[in-house]
């Protein structure tokens, strides 16, 4: 599975319909989520996932310095 956000791509292996935990944890760590932040995840027909992180306190998109 590929997760895309801006120009970054994370590849998360899936075995028997289960995500590989270490790779997924790396993806979550890269996002550096704060309390009340949340993810909007969209799965495209190409089995590609697009992600947007929103601030939980004001519902604005969180921008990263690697955009």
PDB file of N, CA and C in Angstrom:
ATOM      1  N   UNK A   1       0.844  -1.154   0.000  1.00  0.00           N
ATOM      2  CA  UNK A   1       0.000   0.000   0.000  1.00  0.00           C
ATOM      3  C   UNK A   1       0.895   1.223   0.000  1.00  0.00           C
ATOM      4  N   UNK A   2       0.526   2.228  -0.783  1.00  0.00           N
ATOM      5  CA  UNK A   2       1.251   3.490  -0.805  1.00  0.00           C
ATOM      6  C   UNK A   2       0.385   4.580  -0.199  1.00  0.00           C
ATOM      7  N   UNK A   3       0.988   5.355   0.685  1.00  0.00           N
ATOM      8  CA  UNK A   3       0.317   6.511   1.266  1.00  0.00           C
ATOM      9  C   UNK A   3       1.061   7.738   0.771  1.00  0.00           C
ATOM     10  N   UNK A   4       0.328   8.661   0.156  1.00  0.00           N
ATOM     11  CA  UNK A   4       0.942   9.869  -0.391  1.00  0.00           C
ATOM     12  C   UNK A   4       0.435  11.101   0.334  1.00  0.00           C
ATOM     13  N   UNK A   5       1.386  11.996   0.590  1.00  0.00           N
ATOM     14  CA  UNK A   5       1.052  13.282   1.194  1.00  0.00           C
ATOM     15  C   UNK A   5       2.039  14.285   0.640  1.00  0.00           C
ATOM     16  N   UNK A   6       1.530  15.231  -0.141  1.00  0.00           N
ATOM     17  CA  UNK A   6       2.372  16.185  -0.853  1.00  0.00           C
ATOM     18  C   UNK A   6       3.355  15.397  -1.732  1.00  0.00           C
ATOM     19  N   UNK A   7       4.646  15.629  -1.589  1.00  0.00           N
ATOM     20  CA  UNK A   7       5.621  14.917  -2.414  1.00  0.00           C
ATOM     21  C   UNK A   7       6.259  13.737  -1.683  1.00  0.00           C
ATOM     22  N   UNK A   8       5.713  13.356  -0.534  1.00  0.00           N
ATOM     23  CA  UNK A   8       6.240  12.214   0.238  1.00  0.00           C
ATOM     24  C   UNK A   8       5.406  10.974  -0.049  1.00  0.00           C
ATOM     25  N   UNK A   9       6.067   9.846  -0.074  1.00  0.00           N
ATOM     26  CA  UNK A   9       5.391   8.560  -0.282  1.00  0.00           C
ATOM     27  C   UNK A   9       5.908   7.578   0.763  1.00  0.00           C
ATOM     28  N   UNK A  10       4.984   6.939   1.462  1.00  0.00           N
ATOM     29  CA  UNK A  10       5.323   5.871   2.400  1.00  0.00           C
ATOM     30  C   UNK A  10       4.770   4.575   1.832  1.00  0.00           C
ATOM     31  N   UNK A  11       5.576   3.536   1.803  1.00  0.00           N
ATOM     32  CA  UNK A  11       5.130   2.222   1.356  1.00  0.00           C
ATOM     33  C   UNK A  11       4.946   1.357   2.595  1.00  0.00           C
ATOM     34  N   UNK A  12       3.714   0.902   2.791  1.00  0.00           N
ATOM     35  CA  UNK A  12       3.370   0.088   3.949  1.00  0.00           C
ATOM     36  C   UNK A  12       3.025  -1.312   3.447  1.00  0.00           C
ATOM     37  N   UNK A  13       3.841  -2.313   3.748  1.00  0.00           N
ATOM     38  CA  UNK A  13       3.528  -3.673   3.315  1.00  0.00           C
ATOM     39  C   UNK A  13       2.241  -4.187   3.972  1.00  0.00           C
ATOM     40  N   UNK A  14       1.471  -4.939   3.207  1.00  0.00           N
ATOM     41  CA  UNK A  14       0.250  -5.563   3.706  1.00  0.00           C
ATOM     42  C   UNK A  14       0.378  -7.062   3.494  1.00  0.00           C
ATOM     43  N   UNK A  15       0.247  -7.813   4.568  1.00  0.00           N
ATOM     44  CA  UNK A  15       0.314  -9.273   4.497  1.00  0.00           C
ATOM     45  C   UNK A  15      -0.969  -9.851   5.084  1.00  0.00           C
ATOM     46  N   UNK A  16      -1.679 -10.647   4.299  1.00  0.00           N
ATOM     47  CA  UNK A  16      -2.931 -11.255   4.752  1.00  0.00           C
ATOM     48  C   UNK A  16      -3.892 -10.214   5.312  1.00  0.00           C
ATOM     49  N   UNK A  17      -4.053  -9.102   4.587  1.00  0.00           N
ATOM     50  CA  UNK A  17      -4.975  -8.029   4.956  1.00  0.00           C
ATOM     51  C   UNK A  17      -4.591  -7.320   6.257  1.00  0.00           C
ATOM     52  N   UNK A  18      -3.324  -7.406   6.664  1.00  0.00           N
ATOM     53  CA  UNK A  18      -2.849  -6.729   7.875  1.00  0.00           C
ATOM     54  C   UNK A  18      -1.668  -5.830   7.521  1.00  0.00           C
ATOM     55  N   UNK A  19      -1.701  -4.618   8.066  1.00  0.00           N
ATOM     56  CA  UNK A  19      -0.604  -3.690   7.845  1.00  0.00           C
ATOM     57  C   UNK A  19       0.616  -4.120   8.639  1.00  0.00           C
ATOM     58  N   UNK A  20       1.794  -3.876   8.084  1.00  0.00           N
ATOM     59  CA  UNK A  20       3.023  -4.114   8.838  1.00  0.00           C
ATOM     60  C   UNK A  20       3.173  -2.972   9.842  1.00  0.00           C
ATOM     61  N   UNK A  21       3.133  -3.299  11.112  1.00  0.00           N
ATOM     62  CA  UNK A  21       3.058  -2.306  12.181  1.00  0.00           C
ATOM     63  C   UNK A  21       4.267  -1.376  12.205  1.00  0.00           C
ATOM     64  N   UNK A  22       5.458  -1.888  12.045  1.00  0.00           N
ATOM     65  CA  UNK A  22       6.651  -1.040  12.129  1.00  0.00           C
ATOM     66  C   UNK A  22       6.657   0.035  11.042  1.00  0.00           C
ATOM     67  N   UNK A  23       6.288  -0.337   9.829  1.00  0.00           N
ATOM     68  CA  UNK A  23       6.250   0.635   8.730  1.00  0.00           C
ATOM     69  C   UNK A  23       5.157   1.667   8.954  1.00  0.00           C
ATOM     70  N   UNK A  24       3.989   1.225   9.450  1.00  0.00           N
ATOM     71  CA  UNK A  24       2.902   2.165   9.718  1.00  0.00           C
ATOM     72  C   UNK A  24       3.282   3.112  10.856  1.00  0.00           C
ATOM     73  N   UNK A  25       3.950   2.606  11.879  1.00  0.00           N
ATOM     74  CA  UNK A  25       4.392   3.458  12.982  1.00  0.00           C
ATOM     75  C   UNK A  25       5.391   4.512  12.512  1.00  0.00           C
ATOM     76  N   UNK A  26       6.222   4.162  11.545  1.00  0.00           N
ATOM     77  CA  UNK A  26       7.161   5.131  10.975  1.00  0.00           C
ATOM     78  C   UNK A  26       6.397   6.261  10.284  1.00  0.00           C
ATOM     79  N   UNK A  27       5.353   5.909   9.537  1.00  0.00           N
ATOM     80  CA  UNK A  27       4.509   6.901   8.877  1.00  0.00           C
ATOM     81  C   UNK A  27       3.879   7.847   9.907  1.00  0.00           C
ATOM     82  N   UNK A  28       3.306   7.286  10.970  1.00  0.00           N
ATOM     83  CA  UNK A  28       2.664   8.101  12.004  1.00  0.00           C
ATOM     84  C   UNK A  28       3.686   8.978  12.719  1.00  0.00           C
ATOM     85  N   UNK A  29       4.874   8.456  12.979  1.00  0.00           N
ATOM     86  CA  UNK A  29       5.924   9.243  13.638  1.00  0.00           C
ATOM     87  C   UNK A  29       6.346  10.427  12.773  1.00  0.00           C
ATOM     88  N   UNK A  30       6.424  10.225  11.465  1.00  0.00           N
ATOM     89  CA  UNK A  30       6.792  11.316  10.552  1.00  0.00           C
ATOM     90  C   UNK A  30       5.778  12.460  10.603  1.00  0.00           C
ATOM     91  N   UNK A  31       4.521  12.145  10.876  1.00  0.00           N
ATOM     92  CA  UNK A  31       3.486  13.179  10.922  1.00  0.00           C
ATOM     93  C   UNK A  31       3.544  14.016  12.192  1.00  0.00           C
ATOM     94  N   UNK A  32       4.165  13.478  13.247  1.00  0.00           N
ATOM     95  CA  UNK A  32       4.312  14.216  14.503  1.00  0.00           C
ATOM     96  C   UNK A  32       2.968  14.804  14.951  1.00  0.00           C
ATOM     97  N   UNK A  33       1.976  13.942  15.079  1.00  0.00           N
ATOM     98  CA  UNK A  33       0.634  14.383  15.436  1.00  0.00           C
ATOM     99  C   UNK A  33       0.593  14.934  16.854  1.00  0.00           C
ATOM    100  N   UNK A  34      -0.199  15.963  17.035  1.00  0.00           N
ATOM    101  CA  UNK A  34      -0.419  16.576  18.341  1.00  0.00           C
ATOM    102  C   UNK A  34      -1.793  16.146  18.858  1.00  0.00           C
ATOM    103  N   UNK A  35      -2.032  16.386  20.135  1.00  0.00           N
ATOM    104  CA  UNK A  35      -3.323  16.073  20.736  1.00  0.00           C
ATOM    105  C   UNK A  35      -4.428  16.791  19.966  1.00  0.00           C
ATOM    106  N   UNK A  36      -5.466  16.085  19.603  1.00  0.00           N
ATOM    107  CA  UNK A  36      -6.638  16.546  18.860  1.00  0.00           C
ATOM    108  C   UNK A  36      -6.419  16.657  17.352  1.00  0.00           C
ATOM    109  N   UNK A  37      -5.189  16.500  16.838  1.00  0.00           N
ATOM    110  CA  UNK A  37      -4.997  16.451  15.386  1.00  0.00           C
ATOM    111  C   UNK A  37      -5.685  15.204  14.853  1.00  0.00           C
ATOM    112  N   UNK A  38      -6.108  15.257  13.616  1.00  0.00           N
ATOM    113  CA  UNK A  38      -6.699  14.074  13.015  1.00  0.00           C
ATOM    114  C   UNK A  38      -6.361  13.985  11.537  1.00  0.00           C
ATOM    115  N   UNK A  39      -6.479  12.784  11.006  1.00  0.00           N
ATOM    116  CA  UNK A  39      -6.147  12.494   9.615  1.00  0.00           C
ATOM    117  C   UNK A  39      -7.415  12.355   8.801  1.00  0.00           C
ATOM    118  N   UNK A  40      -7.383  12.864   7.580  1.00  0.00           N
ATOM    119  CA  UNK A  40      -8.414  12.586   6.598  1.00  0.00           C
ATOM    120  C   UNK A  40      -7.730  11.709   5.561  1.00  0.00           C
ATOM    121  N   UNK A  41      -8.250  10.512   5.385  1.00  0.00           N
ATOM    122  CA  UNK A  41      -7.636   9.542   4.476  1.00  0.00           C
ATOM    123  C   UNK A  41      -8.619   9.245   3.352  1.00  0.00           C
ATOM    124  N   UNK A  42      -8.148   9.363   2.114  1.00  0.00           N
ATOM    125  CA  UNK A  42      -8.968   9.035   0.951  1.00  0.00           C
ATOM    126  C   UNK A  42      -8.278   7.918   0.183  1.00  0.00           C
ATOM    127  N   UNK A  43      -9.022   6.861  -0.125  1.00  0.00           N
ATOM    128  CA  UNK A  43      -8.471   5.774  -0.929  1.00  0.00           C
ATOM    129  C   UNK A  43      -8.965   5.940  -2.361  1.00  0.00           C
ATOM    130  N   UNK A  44      -8.030   6.050  -3.277  1.00  0.00           N
ATOM    131  CA  UNK A  44      -8.359   6.198  -4.690  1.00  0.00           C
ATOM    132  C   UNK A  44      -8.555   4.829  -5.326  1.00  0.00           C
ATOM    133  N   UNK A  45      -9.157   4.818  -6.501  1.00  0.00           N
ATOM    134  CA  UNK A  45      -9.422   3.540  -7.175  1.00  0.00           C
ATOM    135  C   UNK A  45      -8.147   2.788  -7.536  1.00  0.00           C
ATOM    136  N   UNK A  46      -7.014   3.458  -7.490  1.00  0.00           N
ATOM    137  CA  UNK A  46      -5.729   2.822  -7.798  1.00  0.00           C
ATOM    138  C   UNK A  46      -5.096   2.205  -6.552  1.00  0.00           C
ATOM    139  N   UNK A  47      -5.847   2.100  -5.473  1.00  0.00           N
ATOM    140  CA  UNK A  47      -5.387   1.606  -4.177  1.00  0.00           C
ATOM    141  C   UNK A  47      -4.245   2.485  -3.659  1.00  0.00           C
ATOM    142  N   UNK A  48      -4.372   3.750  -3.938  1.00  0.00           N
ATOM    143  CA  UNK A  48      -3.432   4.748  -3.445  1.00  0.00           C
ATOM    144  C   UNK A  48      -4.168   5.564  -2.388  1.00  0.00           C
ATOM    145  N   UNK A  49      -3.499   5.872  -1.305  1.00  0.00           N
ATOM    146  CA  UNK A  49      -4.112   6.610  -0.219  1.00  0.00           C
ATOM    147  C   UNK A  49      -3.554   8.018  -0.173  1.00  0.00           C
ATOM    148  N   UNK A  50      -4.434   9.004  -0.073  1.00  0.00           N
ATOM    149  CA  UNK A  50      -4.030  10.402   0.098  1.00  0.00           C
ATOM    150  C   UNK A  50      -4.392  10.823   1.509  1.00  0.00           C
ATOM    151  N   UNK A  51      -3.521  11.592   2.150  1.00  0.00           N
ATOM    152  CA  UNK A  51      -3.699  11.947   3.559  1.00  0.00           C
ATOM    153  C   UNK A  51      -3.601  13.457   3.734  1.00  0.00           C
ATOM    154  N   UNK A  52      -4.478  14.001   4.571  1.00  0.00           N
ATOM    155  CA  UNK A  52      -4.418  15.396   5.001  1.00  0.00           C
ATOM    156  C   UNK A  52      -4.495  15.385   6.523  1.00  0.00           C
ATOM    157  N   UNK A  53      -3.629  16.147   7.175  1.00  0.00           N
ATOM    158  CA  UNK A  53      -3.658  16.266   8.635  1.00  0.00           C
ATOM    159  C   UNK A  53      -4.307  17.595   8.980  1.00  0.00           C
ATOM    160  N   UNK A  54      -5.279  17.555   9.883  1.00  0.00           N
ATOM    161  CA  UNK A  54      -5.979  18.762  10.312  1.00  0.00           C
ATOM    162  C   UNK A  54      -5.719  19.012  11.790  1.00  0.00           C
ATOM    163  N   UNK A  55      -5.582  20.298  12.142  1.00  0.00           N
ATOM    164  CA  UNK A  55      -5.465  20.684  13.545  1.00  0.00           C
ATOM    165  C   UNK A  55      -6.818  20.444  14.202  1.00  0.00           C
ATOM    166  N   UNK A  56      -6.820  19.779  15.331  1.00  0.00           N
ATOM    167  CA  UNK A  56      -8.068  19.501  16.023  1.00  0.00           C
ATOM    168  C   UNK A  56      -8.690  20.713  16.674  1.00  0.00           C
ATOM    169  N   UNK A  57      -7.883  21.721  17.002  1.00  0.00           N
ATOM    170  CA  UNK A  57      -8.434  22.877  17.719  1.00  0.00           C
ATOM    171  C   UNK A  57      -9.063  23.918  16.802  1.00  0.00           C
ATOM    172  N   UNK A  58      -8.652  23.971  15.514  1.00  0.00           N
ATOM    173  CA  UNK A  58      -9.252  24.973  14.625  1.00  0.00           C
ATOM    174  C   UNK A  58      -9.600  24.426  13.242  1.00  0.00           C
ATOM    175  N   UNK A  59      -9.485  23.127  13.035  1.00  0.00           N
ATOM    176  CA  UNK A  59      -9.854  22.449  11.787  1.00  0.00           C
ATOM    177  C   UNK A  59      -9.169  23.003  10.540  1.00  0.00           C
ATOM    178  N   UNK A  60      -7.969  23.540  10.683  1.00  0.00           N
ATOM    179  CA  UNK A  60      -7.213  23.987   9.516  1.00  0.00           C
ATOM    180  C   UNK A  60      -6.181  22.922   9.156  1.00  0.00           C
ATOM    181  N   UNK A  61      -5.780  22.920   7.896  1.00  0.00           N
ATOM    182  CA  UNK A  61      -4.803  21.924   7.448  1.00  0.00           C
ATOM    183  C   UNK A  61      -3.448  22.207   8.073  1.00  0.00           C
ATOM    184  N   UNK A  62      -2.825  21.151   8.531  1.00  0.00           N
ATOM    185  CA  UNK A  62      -1.486  21.280   9.104  1.00  0.00           C
ATOM    186  C   UNK A  62      -0.473  21.173   7.973  1.00  0.00           C
ATOM    187  N   UNK A  63       0.405  22.160   7.862  1.00  0.00           N
ATOM    188  CA  UNK A  63       1.418  22.168   6.817  1.00  0.00           C
ATOM    189  C   UNK A  63       2.762  21.781   7.424  1.00  0.00           C
ATOM    190  N   UNK A  64       3.503  21.008   6.690  1.00  0.00           N
ATOM    191  CA  UNK A  64       4.806  20.524   7.143  1.00  0.00           C
ATOM    192  C   UNK A  64       5.898  21.220   6.357  1.00  0.00           C
ATOM    193  N   UNK A  65       7.089  21.315   6.937  1.00  0.00           N
ATOM    194  CA  UNK A  65       8.184  21.999   6.244  1.00  0.00           C
ATOM    195  C   UNK A  65       8.707  21.197   5.060  1.00  0.00           C
ATOM    196  N   UNK A  66       8.290  19.935   4.901  1.00  0.00           N
ATOM    197  CA  UNK A  66       8.730  19.152   3.750  1.00  0.00           C
ATOM    198  C   UNK A  66       7.720  19.186   2.615  1.00  0.00           C
ATOM    199  N   UNK A  67       6.721  20.096   2.673  1.00  0.00           N
ATOM    200  CA  UNK A  67       5.787  20.262   1.553  1.00  0.00           C
ATOM    201  C   UNK A  67       6.491  20.915   0.415  1.00  0.00           C
TER     202      UNK A  67
END
